PDB file of all heavy atoms in Angstrom:
ATOM      1  N   THR A   1      98.838  82.054  80.540  1.00  0.00           N
ATOM      2  CA  THR A   1      98.987  83.452  80.562  1.00  0.00           C
ATOM      3  C   THR A   1      97.551  83.968  81.086  1.00  0.00           C
ATOM      4  O   THR A   1      96.572  83.665  80.620  1.00  0.00           O
ATOM      5  CB  THR A   1      99.212  84.018  79.076  1.00  0.00           C
ATOM      6  OG1 THR A   1     100.374  83.401  78.601  1.00  0.00           O
ATOM      7  CG2 THR A   1      99.288  85.508  79.081  1.00  0.00           C
ATOM      8  N   VAL A   2      97.756  84.845  82.056  1.00  0.00           N
ATOM      9  CA  VAL A   2      96.540  85.474  82.710  1.00  0.00           C
ATOM     10  C   VAL A   2      96.440  86.977  82.366  1.00  0.00           C
ATOM     11  O   VAL A   2      97.438  87.732  82.520  1.00  0.00           O
ATOM     12  CB  VAL A   2      96.643  85.342  84.223  1.00  0.00           C
ATOM     13  CG1 VAL A   2      95.394  85.943  84.915  1.00  0.00           C
ATOM     14  CG2 VAL A   2      96.680  83.866  84.584  1.00  0.00           C
ATOM     15  N   ILE A   3      95.342  87.413  81.911  1.00  0.00           N
ATOM     16  CA  ILE A   3      94.998  88.798  81.486  1.00  0.00           C
ATOM     17  C   ILE A   3      93.848  89.205  82.301  1.00  0.00           C
ATOM     18  O   ILE A   3      92.830  88.553  82.359  1.00  0.00           O
ATOM     19  CB  ILE A   3      94.809  88.954  80.065  1.00  0.00           C
ATOM     20  CG1 ILE A   3      96.029  88.437  79.300  1.00  0.00           C
ATOM     21  CG2 ILE A   3      94.490  90.364  79.741  1.00  0.00           C
ATOM     22  CD1 ILE A   3      95.824  88.434  77.722  1.00  0.00           C
ATOM     23  N   ARG A   4      93.933  90.334  82.937  1.00  0.00           N
ATOM     24  CA  ARG A   4      92.851  90.900  83.732  1.00  0.00           C
ATOM     25  C   ARG A   4      92.497  92.321  83.225  1.00  0.00           C
ATOM     26  O   ARG A   4      93.353  93.152  82.973  1.00  0.00           O
ATOM     27  CB  ARG A   4      93.201  91.061  85.178  1.00  0.00           C
ATOM     28  CG  ARG A   4      93.238  89.674  85.900  1.00  0.00           C
ATOM     29  CD  ARG A   4      93.452  89.904  87.364  1.00  0.00           C
ATOM     30  NE  ARG A   4      93.333  88.638  88.052  1.00  0.00           N
ATOM     31  CZ  ARG A   4      92.240  87.957  88.331  1.00  0.00           C
ATOM     32  NH1 ARG A   4      91.051  88.613  88.026  1.00  0.00           N
ATOM     33  NH2 ARG A   4      92.226  86.789  88.951  1.00  0.00           N
ATOM     34  N   PHE A   5      91.188  92.596  83.066  1.00  0.00           N
ATOM     35  CA  PHE A   5      90.741  93.848  82.583  1.00  0.00           C
ATOM     36  C   PHE A   5      89.815  94.415  83.658  1.00  0.00           C
ATOM     37  O   PHE A   5      88.918  93.675  84.147  1.00  0.00           O
ATOM     38  CB  PHE A   5      90.075  93.770  81.245  1.00  0.00           C
ATOM     39  CG  PHE A   5      90.978  93.419  80.074  1.00  0.00           C
ATOM     40  CD1 PHE A   5      90.776  92.194  79.389  1.00  0.00           C
ATOM     41  CD2 PHE A   5      92.100  94.186  79.745  1.00  0.00           C
ATOM     42  CE1 PHE A   5      91.572  91.836  78.381  1.00  0.00           C
ATOM     43  CE2 PHE A   5      92.925  93.851  78.714  1.00  0.00           C
ATOM     44  CZ  PHE A   5      92.626  92.675  78.019  1.00  0.00           C
ATOM     45  N   TRP A   6      89.815  95.695  83.872  1.00  0.00           N
ATOM     46  CA  TRP A   6      88.823  96.358  84.671  1.00  0.00           C
ATOM     47  C   TRP A   6      87.568  96.580  83.753  1.00  0.00           C
ATOM     48  O   TRP A   6      87.750  96.886  82.597  1.00  0.00           O
ATOM     49  CB  TRP A   6      89.260  97.676  85.276  1.00  0.00           C
ATOM     50  CG  TRP A   6      90.409  97.513  86.223  1.00  0.00           C
ATOM     51  CD1 TRP A   6      91.718  97.840  86.189  1.00  0.00           C
ATOM     52  CD2 TRP A   6      90.175  96.880  87.560  1.00  0.00           C
ATOM     53  NE1 TRP A   6      92.358  97.469  87.250  1.00  0.00           N
ATOM     54  CE2 TRP A   6      91.557  96.963  88.250  1.00  0.00           C
ATOM     55  CE3 TRP A   6      89.160  96.294  88.314  1.00  0.00           C
ATOM     56  CZ2 TRP A   6      91.715  96.442  89.476  1.00  0.00           C
ATOM     57  CZ3 TRP A   6      89.365  95.846  89.541  1.00  0.00           C
ATOM     58  CH2 TRP A   6      90.585  95.860  90.129  1.00  0.00           C
ATOM     59  N   GLY A   7      86.440  96.561  84.317  1.00  0.00           N
ATOM     60  CA  GLY A   7      85.257  96.914  83.567  1.00  0.00           C
ATOM     61  C   GLY A   7      85.253  98.209  82.896  1.00  0.00           C
ATOM     62  O   GLY A   7      84.862  98.366  81.710  1.00  0.00           O
ATOM     63  N   TYR A   8      85.709  99.176  83.531  1.00  0.00           N
ATOM     64  CA  TYR A   8      85.905 100.544  82.974  1.00  0.00           C
ATOM     65  C   TYR A   8      86.709 100.530  81.685  1.00  0.00           C
ATOM     66  O   TYR A   8      86.412 101.176  80.679  1.00  0.00           O
ATOM     67  CB  TYR A   8      86.541 101.535  83.941  1.00  0.00           C
ATOM     68  CG  TYR A   8      86.588 102.914  83.426  1.00  0.00           C
ATOM     69  CD1 TYR A   8      85.615 103.816  83.583  1.00  0.00           C
ATOM     70  CD2 TYR A   8      87.818 103.290  82.797  1.00  0.00           C
ATOM     71  CE1 TYR A   8      85.713 105.128  83.049  1.00  0.00           C
ATOM     72  CE2 TYR A   8      87.944 104.672  82.263  1.00  0.00           C
ATOM     73  CZ  TYR A   8      86.870 105.537  82.414  1.00  0.00           C
ATOM     74  OH  TYR A   8      87.007 106.769  81.895  1.00  0.00           O
ATOM     75  N   ASP A   9      87.891  99.778  81.694  1.00  0.00           N
ATOM     76  CA  ASP A   9      88.734  99.739  80.520  1.00  0.00           C
ATOM     77  C   ASP A   9      88.033  98.995  79.346  1.00  0.00           C
ATOM     78  O   ASP A   9      88.197  99.420  78.225  1.00  0.00           O
ATOM     79  CB  ASP A   9      90.054  99.008  80.940  1.00  0.00           C
ATOM     80  CG  ASP A   9      90.815  99.838  81.993  1.00  0.00           C
ATOM     81  OD1 ASP A   9      90.678 101.019  81.983  1.00  0.00           O
ATOM     82  OD2 ASP A   9      91.509  99.136  82.659  1.00  0.00           O
ATOM     83  N   ILE A  10      87.280  97.906  79.725  1.00  0.00           N
ATOM     84  CA  ILE A  10      86.536  97.195  78.599  1.00  0.00           C
ATOM     85  C   ILE A  10      85.532  98.153  77.946  1.00  0.00           C
ATOM     86  O   ILE A  10      85.430  98.232  76.668  1.00  0.00           O
ATOM     87  CB  ILE A  10      85.811  96.002  79.211  1.00  0.00           C
ATOM     88  CG1 ILE A  10      86.989  95.020  79.578  1.00  0.00           C
ATOM     89  CG2 ILE A  10      84.970  95.324  78.092  1.00  0.00           C
ATOM     90  CD1 ILE A  10      86.408  93.826  80.296  1.00  0.00           C
ATOM     91  N   ILE A  11      84.829  98.865  78.712  1.00  0.00           N
ATOM     92  CA  ILE A  11      83.788  99.786  78.184  1.00  0.00           C
ATOM     93  C   ILE A  11      84.390 101.006  77.439  1.00  0.00           C
ATOM     94  O   ILE A  11      83.896 101.357  76.384  1.00  0.00           O
ATOM     95  CB  ILE A  11      82.803 100.214  79.369  1.00  0.00           C
ATOM     96  CG1 ILE A  11      82.105  99.073  79.887  1.00  0.00           C
ATOM     97  CG2 ILE A  11      81.995 101.392  78.841  1.00  0.00           C
ATOM     98  CD1 ILE A  11      81.319  99.351  81.134  1.00  0.00           C
ATOM     99  N   HIS A  12      85.472 101.574  77.993  1.00  0.00           N
ATOM    100  CA  HIS A  12      85.972 102.888  77.451  1.00  0.00           C
ATOM    101  C   HIS A  12      87.208 102.657  76.518  1.00  0.00           C
ATOM    102  O   HIS A  12      87.604 103.626  75.770  1.00  0.00           O
ATOM    103  CB  HIS A  12      86.235 103.793  78.581  1.00  0.00           C
ATOM    104  CG  HIS A  12      85.070 104.182  79.287  1.00  0.00           C
ATOM    105  ND1 HIS A  12      84.659 103.630  80.447  1.00  0.00           N
ATOM    106  CD2 HIS A  12      84.192 105.206  79.003  1.00  0.00           C
ATOM    107  CE1 HIS A  12      83.499 104.215  80.854  1.00  0.00           C
ATOM    108  NE2 HIS A  12      83.205 105.215  79.979  1.00  0.00           N
ATOM    109  N   ASP A  13      87.820 101.520  76.574  1.00  0.00           N
ATOM    110  CA  ASP A  13      89.006 101.366  75.723  1.00  0.00           C
ATOM    111  C   ASP A  13      89.160  99.910  75.191  1.00  0.00           C
ATOM    112  O   ASP A  13      90.100  99.252  75.400  1.00  0.00           O
ATOM    113  CB  ASP A  13      90.337 101.747  76.455  1.00  0.00           C
ATOM    114  CG  ASP A  13      91.460 101.946  75.562  1.00  0.00           C
ATOM    115  OD1 ASP A  13      91.303 101.973  74.316  1.00  0.00           O
ATOM    116  OD2 ASP A  13      92.582 102.210  76.016  1.00  0.00           O
ATOM    117  N   MET A  14      88.126  99.478  74.469  1.00  0.00           N
ATOM    118  CA  MET A  14      88.057  98.147  73.995  1.00  0.00           C
ATOM    119  C   MET A  14      89.228  97.812  73.056  1.00  0.00           C
ATOM    120  O   MET A  14      89.852  96.713  73.129  1.00  0.00           O
ATOM    121  CB  MET A  14      86.793  97.838  73.219  1.00  0.00           C
ATOM    122  CG  MET A  14      86.590  96.548  72.610  1.00  0.00           C
ATOM    123  SD  MET A  14      86.549  95.212  73.855  1.00  0.00           S
ATOM    124  CE  MET A  14      84.855  95.429  74.479  1.00  0.00           C
ATOM    125  N   ASP A  15      89.644  98.737  72.236  1.00  0.00           N
ATOM    126  CA  ASP A  15      90.766  98.500  71.343  1.00  0.00           C
ATOM    127  C   ASP A  15      91.964  98.094  72.003  1.00  0.00           C
ATOM    128  O   ASP A  15      92.762  97.198  71.645  1.00  0.00           O
ATOM    129  CB  ASP A  15      91.038  99.728  70.448  1.00  0.00           C
ATOM    130  CG  ASP A  15      89.871  99.969  69.435  1.00  0.00           C
ATOM    131  OD1 ASP A  15      89.183  99.070  69.156  1.00  0.00           O
ATOM    132  OD2 ASP A  15      89.847 101.157  68.954  1.00  0.00           O
ATOM    133  N   SER A  16      92.349  98.733  73.197  1.00  0.00           N
ATOM    134  CA  SER A  16      93.473  98.515  73.942  1.00  0.00           C
ATOM    135  C   SER A  16      93.358  97.028  74.545  1.00  0.00           C
ATOM    136  O   SER A  16      94.336  96.270  74.648  1.00  0.00           O
ATOM    137  CB  SER A  16      93.677  99.508  75.080  1.00  0.00           C
ATOM    138  OG  SER A  16      94.728  99.180  75.861  1.00  0.00           O
ATOM    139  N   CYS A  17      92.190  96.698  75.023  1.00  0.00           N
ATOM    140  CA  CYS A  17      91.969  95.376  75.581  1.00  0.00           C
ATOM    141  C   CYS A  17      92.219  94.292  74.534  1.00  0.00           C
ATOM    142  O   CYS A  17      92.880  93.307  74.723  1.00  0.00           O
ATOM    143  CB  CYS A  17      90.568  95.228  76.132  1.00  0.00           C
ATOM    144  SG  CYS A  17      90.263  96.263  77.485  1.00  0.00           S
ATOM    145  N   LEU A  18      91.649  94.494  73.384  1.00  0.00           N
ATOM    146  CA  LEU A  18      91.878  93.565  72.209  1.00  0.00           C
ATOM    147  C   LEU A  18      93.375  93.511  71.819  1.00  0.00           C
ATOM    148  O   LEU A  18      93.855  92.327  71.560  1.00  0.00           O
ATOM    149  CB  LEU A  18      91.030  93.908  71.010  1.00  0.00           C
ATOM    150  CG  LEU A  18      89.499  93.772  71.187  1.00  0.00           C
ATOM    151  CD1 LEU A  18      88.762  94.339  69.989  1.00  0.00           C
ATOM    152  CD2 LEU A  18      89.161  92.354  71.287  1.00  0.00           C
ATOM    153  N   LYS A  19      94.040  94.583  71.801  1.00  0.00           N
ATOM    154  CA  LYS A  19      95.431  94.702  71.409  1.00  0.00           C
ATOM    155  C   LYS A  19      96.280  93.760  72.458  1.00  0.00           C
ATOM    156  O   LYS A  19      97.099  93.086  72.091  1.00  0.00           O
ATOM    157  CB  LYS A  19      95.957  96.059  71.394  1.00  0.00           C
ATOM    158  CG  LYS A  19      97.442  96.231  70.951  1.00  0.00           C
ATOM    159  CD  LYS A  19      97.778  97.651  70.916  1.00  0.00           C
ATOM    160  CE  LYS A  19      99.326  97.662  70.538  1.00  0.00           C
ATOM    161  NZ  LYS A  19      99.832  99.027  70.653  1.00  0.00           N
ATOM    162  N   THR A  20      95.945  93.997  73.747  1.00  0.00           N
ATOM    163  CA  THR A  20      96.586  93.201  74.813  1.00  0.00           C
ATOM    164  C   THR A  20      96.474  91.671  74.630  1.00  0.00           C
ATOM    165  O   THR A  20      97.368  90.932  74.647  1.00  0.00           O
ATOM    166  CB  THR A  20      96.099  93.624  76.140  1.00  0.00           C
ATOM    167  OG1 THR A  20      96.313  94.972  76.427  1.00  0.00           O
ATOM    168  CG2 THR A  20      96.737  92.784  77.353  1.00  0.00           C
ATOM    169  N   ILE A  21      95.192  91.238  74.310  1.00  0.00           N
ATOM    170  CA  ILE A  21      95.004  89.860  74.079  1.00  0.00           C
ATOM    171  C   ILE A  21      95.708  89.368  72.788  1.00  0.00           C
ATOM    172  O   ILE A  21      96.370  88.218  72.819  1.00  0.00           O
ATOM    173  CB  ILE A  21      93.452  89.570  73.918  1.00  0.00           C
ATOM    174  CG1 ILE A  21      92.798  89.825  75.322  1.00  0.00           C
ATOM    175  CG2 ILE A  21      93.211  88.170  73.456  1.00  0.00           C
ATOM    176  CD1 ILE A  21      91.322  89.824  75.283  1.00  0.00           C
ATOM    177  N   GLU A  22      95.667  90.167  71.666  1.00  0.00           N
ATOM    178  CA  GLU A  22      96.347  89.781  70.507  1.00  0.00           C
ATOM    179  C   GLU A  22      97.863  89.655  70.681  1.00  0.00           C
ATOM    180  O   GLU A  22      98.494  88.833  70.076  1.00  0.00           O
ATOM    181  CB  GLU A  22      95.979  90.798  69.373  1.00  0.00           C
ATOM    182  CG  GLU A  22      94.483  90.502  68.927  1.00  0.00           C
ATOM    183  CD  GLU A  22      93.997  91.499  67.786  1.00  0.00           C
ATOM    184  OE1 GLU A  22      94.340  92.707  67.919  1.00  0.00           O
ATOM    185  OE2 GLU A  22      93.259  91.021  66.925  1.00  0.00           O
ATOM    186  N   GLU A  23      98.471  90.536  71.495  1.00  0.00           N
ATOM    187  CA  GLU A  23      99.849  90.548  71.784  1.00  0.00           C
ATOM    188  C   GLU A  23     100.203  89.213  72.530  1.00  0.00           C
ATOM    189  O   GLU A  23     101.235  88.611  72.237  1.00  0.00           O
ATOM    190  CB  GLU A  23     100.293  91.703  72.573  1.00  0.00           C
ATOM    191  CG  GLU A  23     100.374  92.985  71.680  1.00  0.00           C
ATOM    192  CD  GLU A  23     100.583  94.267  72.498  1.00  0.00           C
ATOM    193  OE1 GLU A  23     100.584  94.248  73.808  1.00  0.00           O
ATOM    194  OE2 GLU A  23     100.770  95.367  71.923  1.00  0.00           O
ATOM    195  N   ALA A  24      99.276  88.838  73.452  1.00  0.00           N
ATOM    196  CA  ALA A  24      99.649  87.598  74.180  1.00  0.00           C
ATOM    197  C   ALA A  24      99.471  86.432  73.199  1.00  0.00           C
ATOM    198  O   ALA A  24     100.217  85.417  73.368  1.00  0.00           O
ATOM    199  CB  ALA A  24      98.536  87.437  75.301  1.00  0.00           C
ATOM    200  N   ILE A  25      98.528  86.414  72.303  1.00  0.00           N
ATOM    201  CA  ILE A  25      98.410  85.419  71.348  1.00  0.00           C
ATOM    202  C   ILE A  25      99.627  85.284  70.443  1.00  0.00           C
ATOM    203  O   ILE A  25     100.214  84.228  70.251  1.00  0.00           O
ATOM    204  CB  ILE A  25      97.135  85.607  70.435  1.00  0.00           C
ATOM    205  CG1 ILE A  25      95.866  85.288  71.284  1.00  0.00           C
ATOM    206  CG2 ILE A  25      97.156  84.623  69.207  1.00  0.00           C
ATOM    207  CD1 ILE A  25      94.571  85.697  70.612  1.00  0.00           C
ATOM    208  N   PHE A  26     100.104  86.401  70.037  1.00  0.00           N
ATOM    209  CA  PHE A  26     101.382  86.509  69.186  1.00  0.00           C
ATOM    210  C   PHE A  26     102.508  85.890  69.985  1.00  0.00           C
ATOM    211  O   PHE A  26     103.283  85.106  69.436  1.00  0.00           O
ATOM    212  CB  PHE A  26     101.524  87.900  68.678  1.00  0.00           C
ATOM    213  CG  PHE A  26     102.821  88.060  67.948  1.00  0.00           C
ATOM    214  CD1 PHE A  26     102.872  87.664  66.611  1.00  0.00           C
ATOM    215  CD2 PHE A  26     103.996  88.551  68.461  1.00  0.00           C
ATOM    216  CE1 PHE A  26     104.055  87.799  65.789  1.00  0.00           C
ATOM    217  CE2 PHE A  26     105.175  88.759  67.754  1.00  0.00           C
ATOM    218  CZ  PHE A  26     105.192  88.338  66.369  1.00  0.00           C
ATOM    219  N   GLU A  27     102.654  86.307  71.162  1.00  0.00           N
ATOM    220  CA  GLU A  27     103.798  85.813  72.021  1.00  0.00           C
ATOM    221  C   GLU A  27     103.694  84.375  72.204  1.00  0.00           C
ATOM    222  O   GLU A  27     104.747  83.615  72.095  1.00  0.00           O
ATOM    223  CB  GLU A  27     103.804  86.480  73.415  1.00  0.00           C
ATOM    224  CG  GLU A  27     104.244  87.902  73.391  1.00  0.00           C
ATOM    225  CD  GLU A  27     104.063  88.666  74.731  1.00  0.00           C
ATOM    226  OE1 GLU A  27     103.950  87.935  75.751  1.00  0.00           O
ATOM    227  OE2 GLU A  27     104.116  89.859  74.721  1.00  0.00           O
ATOM    228  N   GLN A  28     102.533  83.796  72.330  1.00  0.00           N
ATOM    229  CA  GLN A  28     102.280  82.343  72.466  1.00  0.00           C
ATOM    230  C   GLN A  28     102.638  81.586  71.186  1.00  0.00           C
ATOM    231  O   GLN A  28     103.367  80.524  71.209  1.00  0.00           O
ATOM    232  CB  GLN A  28     100.905  81.938  72.833  1.00  0.00           C
ATOM    233  CG  GLN A  28     100.623  80.557  73.222  1.00  0.00           C
ATOM    234  CD  GLN A  28     101.461  80.069  74.383  1.00  0.00           C
ATOM    235  OE1 GLN A  28     101.579  80.852  75.399  1.00  0.00           O
ATOM    236  NE2 GLN A  28     102.038  78.906  74.195  1.00  0.00           N
ATOM    237  N   LYS A  29     102.320  82.208  70.117  1.00  0.00           N
ATOM    238  CA  LYS A  29     102.653  81.621  68.768  1.00  0.00           C
ATOM    239  C   LYS A  29     104.151  81.566  68.573  1.00  0.00           C
ATOM    240  O   LYS A  29     104.707  80.577  68.076  1.00  0.00           O
ATOM    241  CB  LYS A  29     101.936  82.389  67.605  1.00  0.00           C
ATOM    242  CG  LYS A  29     100.495  82.096  67.442  1.00  0.00           C
ATOM    243  CD  LYS A  29      99.906  82.959  66.339  1.00  0.00           C
ATOM    244  CE  LYS A  29      98.432  82.688  66.100  1.00  0.00           C
ATOM    245  NZ  LYS A  29      97.891  83.509  64.962  1.00  0.00           N
ATOM    246  N   VAL A  30     104.807  82.696  68.907  1.00  0.00           N
ATOM    247  CA  VAL A  30     106.275  82.740  68.713  1.00  0.00           C
ATOM    248  C   VAL A  30     106.910  81.689  69.680  1.00  0.00           C
ATOM    249  O   VAL A  30     107.828  80.970  69.299  1.00  0.00           O
ATOM    250  CB  VAL A  30     106.777  84.141  69.039  1.00  0.00           C
ATOM    251  CG1 VAL A  30     108.308  84.210  69.261  1.00  0.00           C
ATOM    252  CG2 VAL A  30     106.340  85.157  67.999  1.00  0.00           C
ATOM    253  N   SER A  31     106.474  81.589  70.930  1.00  0.00           N
ATOM    254  CA  SER A  31     106.948  80.644  71.786  1.00  0.00           C
ATOM    255  C   SER A  31     106.830  79.186  71.373  1.00  0.00           C
ATOM    256  O   SER A  31     107.677  78.407  71.532  1.00  0.00           O
ATOM    257  CB  SER A  31     106.296  80.797  73.222  1.00  0.00           C
ATOM    258  OG  SER A  31     106.529  79.789  74.120  1.00  0.00           O
ATOM    259  N   ASP A  32     105.613  78.986  70.808  1.00  0.00           N
ATOM    260  CA  ASP A  32     105.373  77.565  70.272  1.00  0.00           C
ATOM    261  C   ASP A  32     106.326  77.224  69.094  1.00  0.00           C
ATOM    262  O   ASP A  32     106.720  76.068  68.953  1.00  0.00           O
ATOM    263  CB  ASP A  32     103.864  77.472  69.813  1.00  0.00           C
ATOM    264  CG  ASP A  32     102.926  77.428  70.906  1.00  0.00           C
ATOM    265  OD1 ASP A  32     103.372  77.231  72.180  1.00  0.00           O
ATOM    266  OD2 ASP A  32     101.702  77.533  70.709  1.00  0.00           O
ATOM    267  N   THR A  33     106.629  78.210  68.268  1.00  0.00           N
ATOM    268  CA  THR A  33     107.483  77.923  67.095  1.00  0.00           C
ATOM    269  C   THR A  33     108.942  77.716  67.540  1.00  0.00           C
ATOM    270  O   THR A  33     109.779  77.047  66.913  1.00  0.00           O
ATOM    271  CB  THR A  33     107.515  79.007  66.064  1.00  0.00           C
ATOM    272  OG1 THR A  33     107.943  80.285  66.669  1.00  0.00           O
ATOM    273  CG2 THR A  33     106.064  79.157  65.430  1.00  0.00           C
ATOM    274  N   LEU A  34     109.281  78.336  68.750  1.00  0.00           N
ATOM    275  CA  LEU A  34     110.686  78.171  69.235  1.00  0.00           C
ATOM    276  C   LEU A  34     110.883  76.786  69.967  1.00  0.00           C
ATOM    277  O   LEU A  34     111.968  76.251  70.144  1.00  0.00           O
ATOM    278  CB  LEU A  34     111.140  79.271  70.150  1.00  0.00           C
ATOM    279  CG  LEU A  34     111.164  80.635  69.533  1.00  0.00           C
ATOM    280  CD1 LEU A  34     111.373  81.694  70.615  1.00  0.00           C
ATOM    281  CD2 LEU A  34     112.172  80.734  68.458  1.00  0.00           C
ATOM    282  N   ASP A  35     109.801  76.232  70.418  1.00  0.00           N
ATOM    283  CA  ASP A  35     109.916  74.900  71.156  1.00  0.00           C
ATOM    284  C   ASP A  35     110.168  73.719  70.325  1.00  0.00           C
ATOM    285  O   ASP A  35     110.032  73.593  69.124  1.00  0.00           O
ATOM    286  CB  ASP A  35     108.551  74.733  72.024  1.00  0.00           C
ATOM    287  CG  ASP A  35     108.419  75.631  73.090  1.00  0.00           C
ATOM    288  OD1 ASP A  35     109.419  76.145  73.514  1.00  0.00           O
ATOM    289  OD2 ASP A  35     107.348  75.856  73.594  1.00  0.00           O
TER     290      ASP A  35
END
């Protein structure tokens, strides 16, 4: 899974960046349990 953030977004909206990563982690966990 590839996630890209712009520097501006990291500096000005860190919570959104963290949420995106945590959602990808959650999706991966769900996918792993289904396999």
